[in-house]
Amino acid sequence: MFTPWDDGTFSANVAKIVLEQQGFNVSITPVDPAVLFKSIATSDADATLSPWLPATHGEIYAQYEGEYENLGPKFTGARIGLAVPVYMDIDSIEDLEPKK
């Protein structure tokens, strides 16, 4: 199972290929984060590489903590937010003019 965001889709498909090369039969399913955590906690699903902890999915993680094994982070130092490309004539999101 994975959350259907770019990083979750990519990670799930890479893991699927690696596991299939090892002889496992793998199916991946895009789901909402709440469904993902509950499914793993109740053994309806086996694993995920999708959670963003502690902030984005921390509250849902806490609901089911202890009902699954956390193997640690997939990567560290990632950030979530908005960015303004350098080719724009603005310095921040606040500089954008609302559409009329």
N, C-alpha and C. Protein backbone atom coordinates (compact mmCIF):
# COMPACT_ATOMS: atom_id res chain seq x y z
N MET A 1 0.85 -1.17 0.00
CA MET A 1 0.00 0.00 0.00
C MET A 1 0.89 1.23 0.00
N PHE A 2 0.39 2.28 -0.60
CA PHE A 2 1.13 3.53 -0.63
C PHE A 2 0.16 4.70 -0.77
N THR A 3 0.60 5.87 -0.31
CA THR A 3 -0.17 7.07 -0.55
C THR A 3 0.16 7.52 -1.97
N PRO A 4 -0.83 7.90 -2.77
CA PRO A 4 -0.59 8.19 -4.19
C PRO A 4 0.05 9.55 -4.43
N TRP A 5 1.17 9.78 -3.79
CA TRP A 5 1.98 10.97 -4.02
C TRP A 5 3.20 10.50 -4.79
N ASP A 6 3.90 11.40 -5.46
CA ASP A 6 5.02 10.98 -6.32
C ASP A 6 6.04 10.12 -5.60
N ASP A 7 6.45 10.51 -4.40
CA ASP A 7 7.48 9.72 -3.70
C ASP A 7 6.95 8.35 -3.29
N GLY A 8 5.68 8.28 -2.90
CA GLY A 8 5.08 7.01 -2.51
C GLY A 8 4.91 6.07 -3.69
N THR A 9 4.49 6.63 -4.82
CA THR A 9 4.32 5.84 -6.04
C THR A 9 5.66 5.28 -6.50
N PHE A 10 6.67 6.14 -6.53
CA PHE A 10 8.01 5.72 -6.94
C PHE A 10 8.56 4.62 -6.02
N SER A 11 8.54 4.88 -4.72
CA SER A 11 9.10 3.93 -3.75
C SER A 11 8.37 2.59 -3.79
N ALA A 12 7.05 2.62 -3.90
CA ALA A 12 6.28 1.38 -3.94
C ALA A 12 6.64 0.55 -5.18
N ASN A 13 6.79 1.20 -6.31
CA ASN A 13 7.12 0.47 -7.54
C ASN A 13 8.54 -0.07 -7.54
N VAL A 14 9.49 0.67 -6.97
CA VAL A 14 10.85 0.15 -6.86
C VAL A 14 10.87 -1.06 -5.93
N ALA A 15 10.21 -0.95 -4.79
CA ALA A 15 10.15 -2.07 -3.84
C ALA A 15 9.47 -3.28 -4.49
N LYS A 16 8.42 -3.04 -5.26
CA LYS A 16 7.72 -4.13 -5.95
C LYS A 16 8.67 -4.88 -6.87
N ILE A 17 9.44 -4.16 -7.67
CA ILE A 17 10.38 -4.80 -8.59
C ILE A 17 11.43 -5.61 -7.83
N VAL A 18 11.99 -5.04 -6.79
CA VAL A 18 13.02 -5.73 -6.01
C VAL A 18 12.45 -6.99 -5.36
N LEU A 19 11.27 -6.89 -4.77
CA LEU A 19 10.66 -8.05 -4.12
C LEU A 19 10.28 -9.13 -5.13
N GLU A 20 9.78 -8.73 -6.29
CA GLU A 20 9.44 -9.71 -7.32
C GLU A 20 10.70 -10.42 -7.82
N GLN A 21 11.82 -9.71 -7.91
CA GLN A 21 13.08 -10.34 -8.31
C GLN A 21 13.54 -11.37 -7.28
N GLN A 22 13.06 -11.23 -6.05
CA GLN A 22 13.39 -12.18 -4.99
C GLN A 22 12.36 -13.31 -4.90
N GLY A 23 11.40 -13.31 -5.81
CA GLY A 23 10.42 -14.39 -5.86
C GLY A 23 9.10 -14.13 -5.16
N PHE A 24 8.90 -12.94 -4.63
CA PHE A 24 7.64 -12.63 -3.95
C PHE A 24 6.57 -12.21 -4.96
N ASN A 25 5.32 -12.53 -4.64
CA ASN A 25 4.18 -12.08 -5.41
C ASN A 25 3.72 -10.78 -4.76
N VAL A 26 3.81 -9.66 -5.49
CA VAL A 26 3.56 -8.34 -4.90
C VAL A 26 2.43 -7.62 -5.61
N SER A 27 1.53 -7.05 -4.83
CA SER A 27 0.53 -6.13 -5.39
C SER A 27 0.62 -4.85 -4.58
N ILE A 28 0.49 -3.74 -5.26
CA ILE A 28 0.53 -2.45 -4.57
C ILE A 28 -0.80 -1.73 -4.82
N THR A 29 -1.25 -1.01 -3.81
CA THR A 29 -2.55 -0.35 -3.86
C THR A 29 -2.43 1.07 -3.33
N PRO A 30 -2.84 2.07 -4.12
CA PRO A 30 -2.85 3.44 -3.61
C PRO A 30 -4.04 3.65 -2.68
N VAL A 31 -3.78 4.21 -1.49
CA VAL A 31 -4.85 4.44 -0.52
C VAL A 31 -4.61 5.74 0.24
N ASP A 32 -5.62 6.20 0.92
CA ASP A 32 -5.54 7.34 1.83
C ASP A 32 -4.66 6.94 3.02
N PRO A 33 -3.91 7.90 3.59
CA PRO A 33 -3.06 7.56 4.73
C PRO A 33 -3.79 6.88 5.89
N ALA A 34 -5.01 7.28 6.19
CA ALA A 34 -5.75 6.66 7.29
C ALA A 34 -6.02 5.19 7.00
N VAL A 35 -6.34 4.87 5.77
CA VAL A 35 -6.58 3.48 5.37
C VAL A 35 -5.27 2.70 5.43
N LEU A 36 -4.20 3.32 5.00
CA LEU A 36 -2.88 2.68 4.99
C LEU A 36 -2.48 2.21 6.38
N PHE A 37 -2.51 3.09 7.36
CA PHE A 37 -2.11 2.72 8.72
C PHE A 37 -3.03 1.66 9.32
N LYS A 38 -4.33 1.82 9.15
CA LYS A 38 -5.27 0.84 9.71
C LYS A 38 -5.06 -0.53 9.06
N SER A 39 -4.85 -0.56 7.75
CA SER A 39 -4.67 -1.83 7.04
C SER A 39 -3.44 -2.57 7.51
N ILE A 40 -2.38 -1.86 7.77
CA ILE A 40 -1.16 -2.52 8.26
C ILE A 40 -1.35 -2.96 9.70
N ALA A 41 -1.97 -2.13 10.52
CA ALA A 41 -2.19 -2.46 11.93
C ALA A 41 -3.09 -3.69 12.08
N THR A 42 -4.02 -3.88 11.16
CA THR A 42 -4.95 -5.02 11.25
C THR A 42 -4.52 -6.20 10.38
N SER A 43 -3.32 -6.13 9.81
CA SER A 43 -2.75 -7.19 8.95
C SER A 43 -3.49 -7.39 7.63
N ASP A 44 -4.25 -6.38 7.20
CA ASP A 44 -4.87 -6.44 5.88
C ASP A 44 -3.85 -6.09 4.79
N ALA A 45 -2.73 -5.48 5.19
CA ALA A 45 -1.63 -5.15 4.28
C ALA A 45 -0.34 -5.46 5.01
N ASP A 46 0.71 -5.67 4.26
CA ASP A 46 1.98 -6.08 4.86
C ASP A 46 2.96 -4.95 5.15
N ALA A 47 3.02 -3.93 4.27
CA ALA A 47 4.06 -2.92 4.44
C ALA A 47 3.74 -1.66 3.65
N THR A 48 4.47 -0.60 3.99
CA THR A 48 4.39 0.65 3.24
C THR A 48 5.72 1.38 3.37
N LEU A 49 6.02 2.19 2.38
CA LEU A 49 7.18 3.08 2.43
C LEU A 49 6.73 4.53 2.38
N SER A 50 5.43 4.78 2.54
CA SER A 50 4.85 6.10 2.29
C SER A 50 4.82 7.11 3.44
N PRO A 51 4.74 6.71 4.71
CA PRO A 51 4.52 7.72 5.75
C PRO A 51 5.60 8.82 5.82
N TRP A 52 5.12 10.01 6.04
CA TRP A 52 6.00 11.15 6.31
C TRP A 52 5.85 11.47 7.79
N LEU A 53 6.87 11.14 8.55
CA LEU A 53 6.84 11.33 10.00
C LEU A 53 7.92 12.31 10.42
N PRO A 54 7.70 13.05 11.47
CA PRO A 54 6.58 12.94 12.40
C PRO A 54 5.40 13.84 12.07
N ALA A 55 5.57 14.84 11.22
CA ALA A 55 4.53 15.85 11.05
C ALA A 55 3.33 15.40 10.22
N THR A 56 3.52 15.08 8.97
CA THR A 56 2.40 14.85 8.06
C THR A 56 1.49 13.71 8.51
N HIS A 57 2.07 12.58 8.86
CA HIS A 57 1.26 11.42 9.25
C HIS A 57 1.42 11.06 10.73
N GLY A 58 2.01 11.92 11.50
CA GLY A 58 2.28 11.64 12.90
C GLY A 58 1.06 11.33 13.73
N GLU A 59 -0.01 12.06 13.50
CA GLU A 59 -1.24 11.86 14.29
C GLU A 59 -1.85 10.48 14.00
N ILE A 60 -1.88 10.10 12.73
CA ILE A 60 -2.42 8.78 12.37
C ILE A 60 -1.48 7.68 12.86
N TYR A 61 -0.18 7.91 12.73
CA TYR A 61 0.82 6.96 13.22
C TYR A 61 0.59 6.67 14.70
N ALA A 62 0.36 7.71 15.48
CA ALA A 62 0.17 7.58 16.93
C ALA A 62 -1.06 6.74 17.27
N GLN A 63 -2.12 6.83 16.45
CA GLN A 63 -3.35 6.05 16.69
C GLN A 63 -3.08 4.55 16.68
N TYR A 64 -2.15 4.11 15.84
CA TYR A 64 -1.91 2.69 15.66
C TYR A 64 -0.54 2.24 16.16
N GLU A 65 0.18 3.15 16.82
CA GLU A 65 1.53 2.83 17.30
C GLU A 65 1.50 1.58 18.18
N GLY A 66 2.45 0.71 17.97
CA GLY A 66 2.51 -0.53 18.72
C GLY A 66 1.79 -1.69 18.04
N GLU A 67 1.03 -1.39 16.98
CA GLU A 67 0.29 -2.43 16.27
C GLU A 67 1.01 -2.87 14.99
N TYR A 68 2.21 -2.35 14.77
CA TYR A 68 3.03 -2.71 13.62
C TYR A 68 4.48 -2.42 13.97
N GLU A 69 5.38 -2.87 13.13
CA GLU A 69 6.80 -2.64 13.38
C GLU A 69 7.31 -1.52 12.48
N ASN A 70 7.89 -0.50 13.09
CA ASN A 70 8.47 0.61 12.35
C ASN A 70 9.94 0.27 12.09
N LEU A 71 10.31 0.13 10.83
CA LEU A 71 11.68 -0.23 10.46
C LEU A 71 12.59 0.98 10.28
N GLY A 72 12.06 2.17 10.54
CA GLY A 72 12.88 3.37 10.44
C GLY A 72 12.61 4.17 9.18
N PRO A 73 13.29 5.30 9.04
CA PRO A 73 13.02 6.21 7.92
C PRO A 73 13.55 5.69 6.58
N LYS A 74 12.83 6.03 5.54
CA LYS A 74 13.25 5.73 4.17
C LYS A 74 14.35 6.71 3.77
N PHE A 75 14.20 7.96 4.20
CA PHE A 75 15.21 8.98 3.99
C PHE A 75 15.00 10.07 5.03
N THR A 76 15.99 10.89 5.23
CA THR A 76 15.89 11.98 6.22
C THR A 76 16.19 13.31 5.54
N GLY A 77 15.75 14.38 6.17
CA GLY A 77 16.04 15.72 5.69
C GLY A 77 15.09 16.24 4.63
N ALA A 78 14.04 15.49 4.31
CA ALA A 78 13.09 15.94 3.30
C ALA A 78 12.25 17.09 3.85
N ARG A 79 11.80 17.95 2.98
CA ARG A 79 10.97 19.08 3.37
C ARG A 79 9.68 19.08 2.57
N ILE A 80 8.65 19.61 3.18
CA ILE A 80 7.37 19.77 2.52
C ILE A 80 7.08 21.25 2.49
N GLY A 81 6.65 21.76 1.35
CA GLY A 81 6.31 23.17 1.29
C GLY A 81 6.17 23.64 -0.15
N LEU A 82 6.00 24.92 -0.28
CA LEU A 82 5.89 25.55 -1.59
C LEU A 82 7.20 26.24 -1.91
N ALA A 83 7.49 26.33 -3.18
CA ALA A 83 8.72 26.99 -3.61
C ALA A 83 8.42 27.90 -4.79
N VAL A 84 9.22 28.94 -4.95
CA VAL A 84 9.10 29.85 -6.08
C VAL A 84 10.33 29.63 -6.96
N PRO A 85 10.12 29.26 -8.23
CA PRO A 85 11.28 29.06 -9.11
C PRO A 85 12.10 30.34 -9.29
N VAL A 86 13.39 30.18 -9.49
CA VAL A 86 14.29 31.34 -9.60
C VAL A 86 13.99 32.19 -10.83
N TYR A 87 13.35 31.64 -11.85
CA TYR A 87 13.07 32.43 -13.06
C TYR A 87 11.88 33.39 -12.90
N MET A 88 11.19 33.33 -11.78
CA MET A 88 10.06 34.24 -11.54
C MET A 88 10.56 35.60 -11.09
N ASP A 89 9.74 36.67 -11.32
CA ASP A 89 10.13 38.01 -10.87
C ASP A 89 9.65 38.29 -9.45
N ILE A 90 9.46 37.26 -8.68
CA ILE A 90 9.03 37.43 -7.30
C ILE A 90 10.01 36.70 -6.39
N ASP A 91 9.96 37.05 -5.11
CA ASP A 91 10.87 36.43 -4.16
C ASP A 91 10.18 35.46 -3.21
N SER A 92 8.84 35.49 -3.20
CA SER A 92 8.12 34.61 -2.28
C SER A 92 6.69 34.41 -2.77
N ILE A 93 6.01 33.47 -2.19
CA ILE A 93 4.61 33.20 -2.53
C ILE A 93 3.76 34.44 -2.23
N GLU A 94 4.12 35.17 -1.17
CA GLU A 94 3.35 36.35 -0.79
C GLU A 94 3.34 37.42 -1.88
N ASP A 95 4.32 37.41 -2.78
CA ASP A 95 4.39 38.40 -3.86
C ASP A 95 3.44 38.12 -5.01
N LEU A 96 2.81 36.97 -5.02
CA LEU A 96 1.87 36.64 -6.09
C LEU A 96 0.62 37.49 -5.99
N GLU A 97 0.11 37.92 -7.13
CA GLU A 97 -1.11 38.71 -7.16
C GLU A 97 -2.30 37.76 -7.32
N PRO A 98 -3.34 37.95 -6.51
CA PRO A 98 -4.53 37.10 -6.66
C PRO A 98 -5.20 37.35 -8.01
N LYS A 99 -5.80 36.30 -8.60
CA LYS A 99 -6.55 36.47 -9.86
C LYS A 99 -7.82 37.26 -9.59
N LYS A 100 -8.17 38.07 -10.53
CA LYS A 100 -9.40 38.89 -10.40
C LYS A 100 -10.48 38.35 -11.26
